[in-house]
Amino acid sequence: MREKIRTVFEELWAEQEEGPAPALADDTVLLETGLDSLGFAIFVARLDEELGFDPFSAAEEAYYPQTFGEFVAFYEKHAGRSAAAE
């Protein structure tokens, strides 16, 4: 899951920005990656296409991960729920 998320981020970065994508460590603050709010919306939409689910829509309560590690954990948590619902 982590590598798929990283790959989609890097692909989006290459389309929207110049230069290499920033390194994504667990403690990387998402707001400091260089993507703006529209970029993150596109990122989440692309992950929905790639993974087949959107954890932000599936979550019972609003959740806003602040770091890359929290973002990945949120997707991993909901990946199990998505597979169980199928």
PDB file of N, CA and C in Angstrom:
ATOM      1  N   MET A   1       0.824  -1.188   0.000  1.00  0.00           N
ATOM      2  CA  MET A   1       0.000   0.000   0.000  1.00  0.00           C
ATOM      3  C   MET A   1       0.873   1.257   0.000  1.00  0.00           C
ATOM      4  N   ARG A   2       1.871   1.262   0.860  1.00  0.00           N
ATOM      5  CA  ARG A   2       2.755   2.423   0.991  1.00  0.00           C
ATOM      6  C   ARG A   2       3.423   2.749  -0.354  1.00  0.00           C
ATOM      7  N   GLU A   3       3.934   1.741  -1.036  1.00  0.00           N
ATOM      8  CA  GLU A   3       4.621   1.989  -2.297  1.00  0.00           C
ATOM      9  C   GLU A   3       3.650   2.432  -3.390  1.00  0.00           C
ATOM     10  N   LYS A   4       2.438   1.907  -3.392  1.00  0.00           N
ATOM     11  CA  LYS A   4       1.440   2.329  -4.371  1.00  0.00           C
ATOM     12  C   LYS A   4       1.094   3.796  -4.155  1.00  0.00           C
ATOM     13  N   ILE A   5       0.906   4.198  -2.912  1.00  0.00           N
ATOM     14  CA  ILE A   5       0.606   5.595  -2.601  1.00  0.00           C
ATOM     15  C   ILE A   5       1.773   6.479  -3.011  1.00  0.00           C
ATOM     16  N   ARG A   6       2.972   6.058  -2.705  1.00  0.00           N
ATOM     17  CA  ARG A   6       4.168   6.827  -3.066  1.00  0.00           C
ATOM     18  C   ARG A   6       4.273   6.961  -4.596  1.00  0.00           C
ATOM     19  N   THR A   7       4.017   5.892  -5.312  1.00  0.00           N
ATOM     20  CA  THR A   7       4.098   5.916  -6.775  1.00  0.00           C
ATOM     21  C   THR A   7       3.079   6.879  -7.378  1.00  0.00           C
ATOM     22  N   VAL A   8       1.848   6.841  -6.894  1.00  0.00           N
ATOM     23  CA  VAL A   8       0.814   7.745  -7.403  1.00  0.00           C
ATOM     24  C   VAL A   8       1.201   9.198  -7.095  1.00  0.00           C
ATOM     25  N   PHE A   9       1.740   9.442  -5.908  1.00  0.00           N
ATOM     26  CA  PHE A   9       2.194  10.790  -5.557  1.00  0.00           C
ATOM     27  C   PHE A   9       3.271  11.253  -6.522  1.00  0.00           C
ATOM     28  N   GLU A  10       4.256  10.415  -6.785  1.00  0.00           N
ATOM     29  CA  GLU A  10       5.364  10.789  -7.660  1.00  0.00           C
ATOM     30  C   GLU A  10       4.895  11.031  -9.093  1.00  0.00           C
ATOM     31  N   GLU A  11       3.933  10.233  -9.566  1.00  0.00           N
ATOM     32  CA  GLU A  11       3.380  10.438 -10.906  1.00  0.00           C
ATOM     33  C   GLU A  11       2.661  11.781 -10.990  1.00  0.00           C
ATOM     34  N   LEU A  12       1.862  12.085  -9.988  1.00  0.00           N
ATOM     35  CA  LEU A  12       1.148  13.354  -9.958  1.00  0.00           C
ATOM     36  C   LEU A  12       2.127  14.522  -9.875  1.00  0.00           C
ATOM     37  N   TRP A  13       3.143  14.381  -9.054  1.00  0.00           N
ATOM     38  CA  TRP A  13       4.159  15.426  -8.909  1.00  0.00           C
ATOM     39  C   TRP A  13       4.809  15.709 -10.271  1.00  0.00           C
ATOM     40  N   ALA A  14       5.158  14.665 -10.987  1.00  0.00           N
ATOM     41  CA  ALA A  14       5.811  14.828 -12.284  1.00  0.00           C
ATOM     42  C   ALA A  14       4.921  15.569 -13.276  1.00  0.00           C
ATOM     43  N   GLU A  15       3.619  15.396 -13.157  1.00  0.00           N
ATOM     44  CA  GLU A  15       2.681  16.078 -14.041  1.00  0.00           C
ATOM     45  C   GLU A  15       2.500  17.551 -13.669  1.00  0.00           C
ATOM     46  N   GLN A  16       2.569  17.867 -12.376  1.00  0.00           N
ATOM     47  CA  GLN A  16       2.211  19.201 -11.913  1.00  0.00           C
ATOM     48  C   GLN A  16       3.384  20.088 -11.525  1.00  0.00           C
ATOM     49  N   GLU A  17       4.512  19.511 -11.215  1.00  0.00           N
ATOM     50  CA  GLU A  17       5.647  20.276 -10.694  1.00  0.00           C
ATOM     51  C   GLU A  17       6.905  19.974 -11.499  1.00  0.00           C
ATOM     52  N   GLU A  18       7.909  20.783 -11.310  1.00  0.00           N
ATOM     53  CA  GLU A  18       9.201  20.530 -11.941  1.00  0.00           C
ATOM     54  C   GLU A  18      10.163  19.964 -10.900  1.00  0.00           C
ATOM     55  N   GLY A  19      11.092  19.177 -11.368  1.00  0.00           N
ATOM     56  CA  GLY A  19      12.076  18.604 -10.462  1.00  0.00           C
ATOM     57  C   GLY A  19      11.563  17.340  -9.806  1.00  0.00           C
ATOM     58  N   PRO A  20      12.431  16.723  -9.020  1.00  0.00           N
ATOM     59  CA  PRO A  20      12.058  15.468  -8.361  1.00  0.00           C
ATOM     60  C   PRO A  20      11.032  15.692  -7.246  1.00  0.00           C
ATOM     61  N   ALA A  21      10.212  14.687  -7.025  1.00  0.00           N
ATOM     62  CA  ALA A  21       9.233  14.745  -5.935  1.00  0.00           C
ATOM     63  C   ALA A  21       9.969  14.716  -4.600  1.00  0.00           C
ATOM     64  N   PRO A  22       9.409  15.356  -3.586  1.00  0.00           N
ATOM     65  CA  PRO A  22      10.048  15.310  -2.276  1.00  0.00           C
ATOM     66  C   PRO A  22      10.011  13.890  -1.696  1.00  0.00           C
ATOM     67  N   ALA A  23      11.001  13.585  -0.890  1.00  0.00           N
ATOM     68  CA  ALA A  23      11.024  12.288  -0.213  1.00  0.00           C
ATOM     69  C   ALA A  23       9.859  12.227   0.764  1.00  0.00           C
ATOM     70  N   LEU A  24       9.205  11.082   0.826  1.00  0.00           N
ATOM     71  CA  LEU A  24       8.061  10.920   1.720  1.00  0.00           C
ATOM     72  C   LEU A  24       8.411   9.939   2.834  1.00  0.00           C
ATOM     73  N   ALA A  25       8.785  10.467   3.978  1.00  0.00           N
ATOM     74  CA  ALA A  25       9.036   9.654   5.165  1.00  0.00           C
ATOM     75  C   ALA A  25       7.767   9.686   6.014  1.00  0.00           C
ATOM     76  N   ASP A  26       7.678   8.797   6.985  1.00  0.00           N
ATOM     77  CA  ASP A  26       6.488   8.757   7.830  1.00  0.00           C
ATOM     78  C   ASP A  26       6.209  10.091   8.514  1.00  0.00           C
ATOM     79  N   ASP A  27       7.254  10.837   8.841  1.00  0.00           N
ATOM     80  CA  ASP A  27       7.049  12.102   9.557  1.00  0.00           C
ATOM     81  C   ASP A  27       6.961  13.318   8.633  1.00  0.00           C
ATOM     82  N   THR A  28       6.915  13.086   7.303  1.00  0.00           N
ATOM     83  CA  THR A  28       6.762  14.199   6.360  1.00  0.00           C
ATOM     84  C   THR A  28       5.379  14.819   6.526  1.00  0.00           C
ATOM     85  N   VAL A  29       5.346  16.115   6.790  1.00  0.00           N
ATOM     86  CA  VAL A  29       4.074  16.824   6.944  1.00  0.00           C
ATOM     87  C   VAL A  29       3.488  17.026   5.552  1.00  0.00           C
ATOM     88  N   LEU A  30       2.255  16.577   5.360  1.00  0.00           N
ATOM     89  CA  LEU A  30       1.644  16.633   4.038  1.00  0.00           C
ATOM     90  C   LEU A  30       1.569  18.052   3.484  1.00  0.00           C
ATOM     91  N   LEU A  31       1.290  19.011   4.334  1.00  0.00           N
ATOM     92  CA  LEU A  31       1.186  20.397   3.882  1.00  0.00           C
ATOM     93  C   LEU A  31       2.532  20.964   3.437  1.00  0.00           C
ATOM     94  N   GLU A  32       3.616  20.280   3.770  1.00  0.00           N
ATOM     95  CA  GLU A  32       4.947  20.741   3.397  1.00  0.00           C
ATOM     96  C   GLU A  32       5.519  20.000   2.185  1.00  0.00           C
ATOM     97  N   THR A  33       4.691  19.200   1.511  1.00  0.00           N
ATOM     98  CA  THR A  33       5.174  18.450   0.349  1.00  0.00           C
ATOM     99  C   THR A  33       5.220  19.291  -0.908  1.00  0.00           C
ATOM    100  N   GLY A  34       4.487  20.394  -0.929  1.00  0.00           N
ATOM    101  CA  GLY A  34       4.452  21.238  -2.115  1.00  0.00           C
ATOM    102  C   GLY A  34       3.170  21.123  -2.907  1.00  0.00           C
ATOM    103  N   LEU A  35       2.347  20.097  -2.639  1.00  0.00           N
ATOM    104  CA  LEU A  35       1.048  20.011  -3.303  1.00  0.00           C
ATOM    105  C   LEU A  35       0.063  20.928  -2.593  1.00  0.00           C
ATOM    106  N   ASP A  36      -0.748  21.632  -3.385  1.00  0.00           N
ATOM    107  CA  ASP A  36      -1.785  22.468  -2.791  1.00  0.00           C
ATOM    108  C   ASP A  36      -3.050  21.633  -2.579  1.00  0.00           C
ATOM    109  N   SER A  37      -4.128  22.267  -2.126  1.00  0.00           N
ATOM    110  CA  SER A  37      -5.352  21.518  -1.810  1.00  0.00           C
ATOM    111  C   SER A  37      -5.943  20.851  -3.048  1.00  0.00           C
ATOM    112  N   LEU A  38      -5.875  21.519  -4.211  1.00  0.00           N
ATOM    113  CA  LEU A  38      -6.356  20.896  -5.444  1.00  0.00           C
ATOM    114  C   LEU A  38      -5.487  19.689  -5.787  1.00  0.00           C
ATOM    115  N   GLY A  39      -4.188  19.824  -5.605  1.00  0.00           N
ATOM    116  CA  GLY A  39      -3.287  18.704  -5.854  1.00  0.00           C
ATOM    117  C   GLY A  39      -3.612  17.508  -4.980  1.00  0.00           C
ATOM    118  N   PHE A  40      -3.937  17.749  -3.725  1.00  0.00           N
ATOM    119  CA  PHE A  40      -4.296  16.637  -2.833  1.00  0.00           C
ATOM    120  C   PHE A  40      -5.631  16.021  -3.212  1.00  0.00           C
ATOM    121  N   ALA A  41      -6.564  16.845  -3.673  1.00  0.00           N
ATOM    122  CA  ALA A  41      -7.852  16.313  -4.122  1.00  0.00           C
ATOM    123  C   ALA A  41      -7.639  15.387  -5.326  1.00  0.00           C
ATOM    124  N   ILE A  42      -6.787  15.804  -6.242  1.00  0.00           N
ATOM    125  CA  ILE A  42      -6.469  14.971  -7.404  1.00  0.00           C
ATOM    126  C   ILE A  42      -5.747  13.703  -6.953  1.00  0.00           C
ATOM    127  N   PHE A  43      -4.853  13.836  -5.996  1.00  0.00           N
ATOM    128  CA  PHE A  43      -4.111  12.695  -5.443  1.00  0.00           C
ATOM    129  C   PHE A  43      -5.071  11.651  -4.876  1.00  0.00           C
ATOM    130  N   VAL A  44      -6.019  12.085  -4.065  1.00  0.00           N
ATOM    131  CA  VAL A  44      -6.990  11.168  -3.457  1.00  0.00           C
ATOM    132  C   VAL A  44      -7.876  10.539  -4.540  1.00  0.00           C
ATOM    133  N   ALA A  45      -8.270  11.329  -5.545  1.00  0.00           N
ATOM    134  CA  ALA A  45      -9.088  10.791  -6.637  1.00  0.00           C
ATOM    135  C   ALA A  45      -8.314   9.727  -7.419  1.00  0.00           C
ATOM    136  N   ARG A  46      -7.044   9.975  -7.650  1.00  0.00           N
ATOM    137  CA  ARG A  46      -6.218   8.987  -8.368  1.00  0.00           C
ATOM    138  C   ARG A  46      -6.044   7.715  -7.549  1.00  0.00           C
ATOM    139  N   LEU A  47      -5.868   7.887  -6.244  1.00  0.00           N
ATOM    140  CA  LEU A  47      -5.752   6.697  -5.390  1.00  0.00           C
ATOM    141  C   LEU A  47      -7.049   5.902  -5.409  1.00  0.00           C
ATOM    142  N   ASP A  48      -8.185   6.592  -5.438  1.00  0.00           N
ATOM    143  CA  ASP A  48      -9.482   5.915  -5.536  1.00  0.00           C
ATOM    144  C   ASP A  48      -9.528   5.077  -6.816  1.00  0.00           C
ATOM    145  N   GLU A  49      -9.085   5.657  -7.926  1.00  0.00           N
ATOM    146  CA  GLU A  49      -9.061   4.926  -9.198  1.00  0.00           C
ATOM    147  C   GLU A  49      -8.126   3.717  -9.129  1.00  0.00           C
ATOM    148  N   GLU A  50      -6.959   3.910  -8.551  1.00  0.00           N
ATOM    149  CA  GLU A  50      -5.941   2.849  -8.498  1.00  0.00           C
ATOM    150  C   GLU A  50      -6.299   1.741  -7.505  1.00  0.00           C
ATOM    151  N   LEU A  51      -6.820   2.138  -6.343  1.00  0.00           N
ATOM    152  CA  LEU A  51      -7.051   1.180  -5.263  1.00  0.00           C
ATOM    153  C   LEU A  51      -8.490   0.685  -5.196  1.00  0.00           C
ATOM    154  N   GLY A  52      -9.406   1.444  -5.786  1.00  0.00           N
ATOM    155  CA  GLY A  52     -10.806   1.025  -5.801  1.00  0.00           C
ATOM    156  C   GLY A  52     -11.604   1.447  -4.581  1.00  0.00           C
ATOM    157  N   PHE A  53     -11.069   2.360  -3.785  1.00  0.00           N
ATOM    158  CA  PHE A  53     -11.814   2.865  -2.634  1.00  0.00           C
ATOM    159  C   PHE A  53     -11.278   4.213  -2.201  1.00  0.00           C
ATOM    160  N   ASP A  54     -12.140   4.961  -1.533  1.00  0.00           N
ATOM    161  CA  ASP A  54     -11.780   6.268  -0.984  1.00  0.00           C
ATOM    162  C   ASP A  54     -12.068   6.232   0.512  1.00  0.00           C
ATOM    163  N   PRO A  55     -11.019   6.138   1.329  1.00  0.00           N
ATOM    164  CA  PRO A  55     -11.263   6.031   2.770  1.00  0.00           C
ATOM    165  C   PRO A  55     -11.900   7.282   3.369  1.00  0.00           C
ATOM    166  N   PHE A  56     -11.735   8.411   2.729  1.00  0.00           N
ATOM    167  CA  PHE A  56     -12.325   9.640   3.257  1.00  0.00           C
ATOM    168  C   PHE A  56     -13.843   9.607   3.135  1.00  0.00           C
ATOM    169  N   SER A  57     -14.351   8.962   2.091  1.00  0.00           N
ATOM    170  CA  SER A  57     -15.798   8.804   1.930  1.00  0.00           C
ATOM    171  C   SER A  57     -16.329   7.689   2.834  1.00  0.00           C
ATOM    172  N   ALA A  58     -15.515   6.672   3.042  1.00  0.00           N
ATOM    173  CA  ALA A  58     -15.937   5.521   3.832  1.00  0.00           C
ATOM    174  C   ALA A  58     -15.882   5.770   5.340  1.00  0.00           C
ATOM    175  N   ALA A  59     -15.047   6.705   5.769  1.00  0.00           N
ATOM    176  CA  ALA A  59     -14.867   6.957   7.206  1.00  0.00           C
ATOM    177  C   ALA A  59     -16.155   7.493   7.830  1.00  0.00           C
ATOM    178  N   GLU A  60     -16.433   7.046   9.025  1.00  0.00           N
ATOM    179  CA  GLU A  60     -17.622   7.497   9.728  1.00  0.00           C
ATOM    180  C   GLU A  60     -17.454   8.904  10.287  1.00  0.00           C
ATOM    181  N   GLU A  61     -16.220   9.275  10.591  1.00  0.00           N
ATOM    182  CA  GLU A  61     -15.930  10.612  11.106  1.00  0.00           C
ATOM    183  C   GLU A  61     -14.868  11.268  10.222  1.00  0.00           C
ATOM    184  N   ALA A  62     -14.921  12.581  10.125  1.00  0.00           N
ATOM    185  CA  ALA A  62     -13.917  13.309   9.338  1.00  0.00           C
ATOM    186  C   ALA A  62     -12.533  13.093   9.957  1.00  0.00           C
ATOM    187  N   TYR A  63     -11.571  12.843   9.108  1.00  0.00           N
ATOM    188  CA  TYR A  63     -10.210  12.621   9.568  1.00  0.00           C
ATOM    189  C   TYR A  63      -9.267  13.314   8.606  1.00  0.00           C
ATOM    190  N   TYR A  64      -8.302  14.023   9.133  1.00  0.00           N
ATOM    191  CA  TYR A  64      -7.354  14.769   8.325  1.00  0.00           C
ATOM    192  C   TYR A  64      -5.936  14.388   8.747  1.00  0.00           C
ATOM    193  N   PRO A  65      -5.351  13.383   8.080  1.00  0.00           N
ATOM    194  CA  PRO A  65      -3.984  12.997   8.426  1.00  0.00           C
ATOM    195  C   PRO A  65      -3.028  14.152   8.180  1.00  0.00           C
ATOM    196  N   GLN A  66      -2.069  14.306   9.070  1.00  0.00           N
ATOM    197  CA  GLN A  66      -1.125  15.408   8.946  1.00  0.00           C
ATOM    198  C   GLN A  66       0.212  14.983   8.367  1.00  0.00           C
ATOM    199  N   THR A  67       0.577  13.738   8.548  1.00  0.00           N
ATOM    200  CA  THR A  67       1.860  13.254   8.041  1.00  0.00           C
ATOM    201  C   THR A  67       1.631  12.134   7.022  1.00  0.00           C
ATOM    202  N   PHE A  68       2.672  11.853   6.256  1.00  0.00           N
ATOM    203  CA  PHE A  68       2.584  10.774   5.283  1.00  0.00           C
ATOM    204  C   PHE A  68       2.306   9.442   5.983  1.00  0.00           C
ATOM    205  N   GLY A  69       2.928   9.207   7.112  1.00  0.00           N
ATOM    206  CA  GLY A  69       2.691   7.967   7.862  1.00  0.00           C
ATOM    207  C   GLY A  69       1.234   7.828   8.282  1.00  0.00           C
ATOM    208  N   GLU A  70       0.622   8.905   8.751  1.00  0.00           N
ATOM    209  CA  GLU A  70      -0.795   8.880   9.123  1.00  0.00           C
ATOM    210  C   GLU A  70      -1.677   8.631   7.898  1.00  0.00           C
ATOM    211  N   PHE A  71      -1.306   9.239   6.772  1.00  0.00           N
ATOM    212  CA  PHE A  71      -2.042   9.077   5.520  1.00  0.00           C
ATOM    213  C   PHE A  71      -2.029   7.609   5.087  1.00  0.00           C
ATOM    214  N   VAL A  72      -0.855   6.997   5.090  1.00  0.00           N
ATOM    215  CA  VAL A  72      -0.722   5.590   4.706  1.00  0.00           C
ATOM    216  C   VAL A  72      -1.501   4.699   5.675  1.00  0.00           C
ATOM    217  N   ALA A  73      -1.382   4.944   6.967  1.00  0.00           N
ATOM    218  CA  ALA A  73      -2.092   4.137   7.966  1.00  0.00           C
ATOM    219  C   ALA A  73      -3.603   4.225   7.766  1.00  0.00           C
ATOM    220  N   PHE A  74      -4.099   5.410   7.422  1.00  0.00           N
ATOM    221  CA  PHE A  74      -5.530   5.611   7.171  1.00  0.00           C
ATOM    222  C   PHE A  74      -5.978   4.770   5.974  1.00  0.00           C
ATOM    223  N   TYR A  75      -5.189   4.772   4.916  1.00  0.00           N
ATOM    224  CA  TYR A  75      -5.522   3.947   3.748  1.00  0.00           C
ATOM    225  C   TYR A  75      -5.445   2.457   4.091  1.00  0.00           C
ATOM    226  N   GLU A  76      -4.430   2.047   4.832  1.00  0.00           N
ATOM    227  CA  GLU A  76      -4.290   0.635   5.204  1.00  0.00           C
ATOM    228  C   GLU A  76      -5.464   0.182   6.060  1.00  0.00           C
ATOM    229  N   LYS A  77      -5.877   1.028   6.971  1.00  0.00           N
ATOM    230  CA  LYS A  77      -7.018   0.709   7.848  1.00  0.00           C
ATOM    231  C   LYS A  77      -8.283   0.478   7.021  1.00  0.00           C
ATOM    232  N   HIS A  78      -8.528   1.337   6.059  1.00  0.00           N
ATOM    233  CA  HIS A  78      -9.750   1.232   5.262  1.00  0.00           C
ATOM    234  C   HIS A  78      -9.653   0.238   4.128  1.00  0.00           C
ATOM    235  N   ALA A  79      -8.446  -0.158   3.765  1.00  0.00           N
ATOM    236  CA  ALA A  79      -8.293  -1.185   2.729  1.00  0.00           C
ATOM    237  C   ALA A  79      -8.893  -2.492   3.227  1.00  0.00           C
ATOM    238  N   GLY A  80      -8.681  -2.806   4.490  1.00  0.00           N
ATOM    239  CA  GLY A  80      -9.259  -4.014   5.068  1.00  0.00           C
ATOM    240  C   GLY A  80     -10.773  -3.974   5.097  1.00  0.00           C
ATOM    241  N   ARG A  81     -11.315  -2.821   5.402  1.00  0.00           N
ATOM    242  CA  ARG A  81     -12.780  -2.653   5.433  1.00  0.00           C
ATOM    243  C   ARG A  81     -13.352  -2.749   4.028  1.00  0.00           C
ATOM    244  N   SER A  82     -12.653  -2.207   3.056  1.00  0.00           N
ATOM    245  CA  SER A  82     -13.116  -2.234   1.676  1.00  0.00           C
ATOM    246  C   SER A  82     -13.156  -3.671   1.165  1.00  0.00           C
ATOM    247  N   ALA A  83     -12.119  -4.451   1.474  1.00  0.00           N
ATOM    248  CA  ALA A  83     -12.062  -5.840   1.037  1.00  0.00           C
ATOM    249  C   ALA A  83     -13.140  -6.667   1.729  1.00  0.00           C
ATOM    250  N   ALA A  84     -13.435  -6.379   2.988  1.00  0.00           N
ATOM    251  CA  ALA A  84     -14.458  -7.121   3.730  1.00  0.00           C
ATOM    252  C   ALA A  84     -15.855  -6.825   3.199  1.00  0.00           C
ATOM    253  N   ALA A  85     -16.054  -5.640   2.654  1.00  0.00           N
ATOM    254  CA  ALA A  85     -17.379  -5.250   2.153  1.00  0.00           C
ATOM    255  C   ALA A  85     -17.682  -5.880   0.799  1.00  0.00           C
ATOM    256  N   GLU A  86     -16.651  -6.372   0.098  1.00  0.00           N
ATOM    257  CA  GLU A  86     -16.867  -6.942  -1.236  1.00  0.00           C
ATOM    258  C   GLU A  86     -17.395  -8.338  -1.180  1.00  0.00           C
TER     259      GLU A  86
END
